[in-house]
Amino acid sequence: MDSIILCLLAVSGVLSIFLFVARGLLDQTPEVINAWHRVQRAYRGTEPDAGSSADPDT
């Protein structure tokens, strides 16, 4: 009985850590995509369109 409880606690701990890491990665995804687009534009030597709202940082 004790081993079942320990296994449940271990699984829930691992699951919560996994969800915490996944949330952190997903929160950073839009910033990484915007940075990648800025790198591509810099490499091509093009400027973003004046009316474009794809990248509000520039």
C-alpha atoms as a PDB file:
ATOM      1  CA  MET A   1       0.000   0.000   0.000  1.00  0.00           C
ATOM      2  CA  ASP A   2       2.809   2.396   0.833  1.00  0.00           C
ATOM      3  CA  SER A   3       4.563   1.709  -2.453  1.00  0.00           C
ATOM      4  CA  ILE A   4       1.419   2.613  -4.405  1.00  0.00           C
ATOM      5  CA  ILE A   5       1.173   5.940  -2.585  1.00  0.00           C
ATOM      6  CA  LEU A   6       4.852   6.665  -3.220  1.00  0.00           C
ATOM      7  CA  CYS A   7       4.452   5.822  -6.900  1.00  0.00           C
ATOM      8  CA  LEU A   8       1.439   8.131  -7.192  1.00  0.00           C
ATOM      9  CA  LEU A   9       3.348  10.952  -5.506  1.00  0.00           C
ATOM     10  CA  ALA A  10       6.346  10.406  -7.767  1.00  0.00           C
ATOM     11  CA  VAL A  11       4.229  10.371 -10.922  1.00  0.00           C
ATOM     12  CA  SER A  12       2.369  13.511  -9.903  1.00  0.00           C
ATOM     13  CA  GLY A  13       5.652  15.269  -9.114  1.00  0.00           C
ATOM     14  CA  VAL A  14       7.177  14.344 -12.461  1.00  0.00           C
ATOM     15  CA  LEU A  15       3.993  15.372 -14.266  1.00  0.00           C
ATOM     16  CA  SER A  16       3.901  18.761 -12.546  1.00  0.00           C
ATOM     17  CA  ILE A  17       7.554  19.425 -13.413  1.00  0.00           C
ATOM     18  CA  PHE A  18       6.903  18.421 -17.030  1.00  0.00           C
ATOM     19  CA  LEU A  19       3.900  20.760 -17.250  1.00  0.00           C
ATOM     20  CA  PHE A  20       5.905  23.620 -15.711  1.00  0.00           C
ATOM     21  CA  VAL A  21       8.701  23.169 -18.277  1.00  0.00           C
ATOM     22  CA  ALA A  22       6.261  22.805 -21.178  1.00  0.00           C
ATOM     23  CA  ARG A  23       4.474  25.994 -20.154  1.00  0.00           C
ATOM     24  CA  GLY A  24       7.773  27.858 -19.999  1.00  0.00           C
ATOM     25  CA  LEU A  25       8.746  26.678 -23.466  1.00  0.00           C
ATOM     26  CA  LEU A  26       5.371  27.567 -24.932  1.00  0.00           C
ATOM     27  CA  ASP A  27       5.539  31.038 -23.377  1.00  0.00           C
ATOM     28  CA  GLN A  28       8.837  31.673 -25.157  1.00  0.00           C
ATOM     29  CA  THR A  29       7.716  30.396 -28.557  1.00  0.00           C
ATOM     30  CA  PRO A  30       6.268  33.695 -29.921  1.00  0.00           C
ATOM     31  CA  GLU A  31       9.448  35.585 -28.990  1.00  0.00           C
ATOM     32  CA  VAL A  32      11.612  32.974 -30.700  1.00  0.00           C
ATOM     33  CA  ILE A  33       9.484  33.134 -33.854  1.00  0.00           C
ATOM     34  CA  ASN A  34       9.663  36.944 -33.933  1.00  0.00           C
ATOM     35  CA  ALA A  35      13.428  36.849 -33.453  1.00  0.00           C
ATOM     36  CA  TRP A  36      13.748  34.319 -36.284  1.00  0.00           C
ATOM     37  CA  HIS A  37      11.752  36.579 -38.604  1.00  0.00           C
ATOM     38  CA  ARG A  38      13.985  39.539 -37.688  1.00  0.00           C
ATOM     39  CA  VAL A  39      17.060  37.440 -38.505  1.00  0.00           C
ATOM     40  CA  GLN A  40      15.600  36.438 -41.861  1.00  0.00           C
ATOM     41  CA  ARG A  41      14.756  40.051 -42.723  1.00  0.00           C
ATOM     42  CA  ALA A  42      18.243  41.213 -41.710  1.00  0.00           C
ATOM     43  CA  TYR A  43      19.816  38.486 -43.816  1.00  0.00           C
ATOM     44  CA  ARG A  44      17.735  39.437 -46.838  1.00  0.00           C
ATOM     45  CA  GLY A  45      18.307  43.138 -46.229  1.00  0.00           C
ATOM     46  CA  THR A  46      14.609  43.956 -46.386  1.00  0.00           C
ATOM     47  CA  GLU A  47      12.557  46.163 -44.130  1.00  0.00           C
ATOM     48  CA  PRO A  48       9.161  45.146 -42.754  1.00  0.00           C
ATOM     49  CA  ASP A  49       6.090  46.691 -44.378  1.00  0.00           C
ATOM     50  CA  ALA A  50       4.898  49.913 -42.748  1.00  0.00           C
ATOM     51  CA  GLY A  51       1.350  48.575 -42.409  1.00  0.00           C
ATOM     52  CA  SER A  52       2.377  45.157 -41.188  1.00  0.00           C
ATOM     53  CA  SER A  53       1.571  44.241 -37.591  1.00  0.00           C
ATOM     54  CA  ALA A  54       3.456  40.924 -37.676  1.00  0.00           C
ATOM     55  CA  ASP A  55       6.323  42.258 -35.560  1.00  0.00           C
ATOM     56  CA  PRO A  56       5.367  45.162 -33.259  1.00  0.00           C
ATOM     57  CA  ASP A  57       8.875  45.414 -31.741  1.00  0.00           C
ATOM     58  CA  THR A  58      10.465  47.014 -34.783  1.00  0.00           C
END
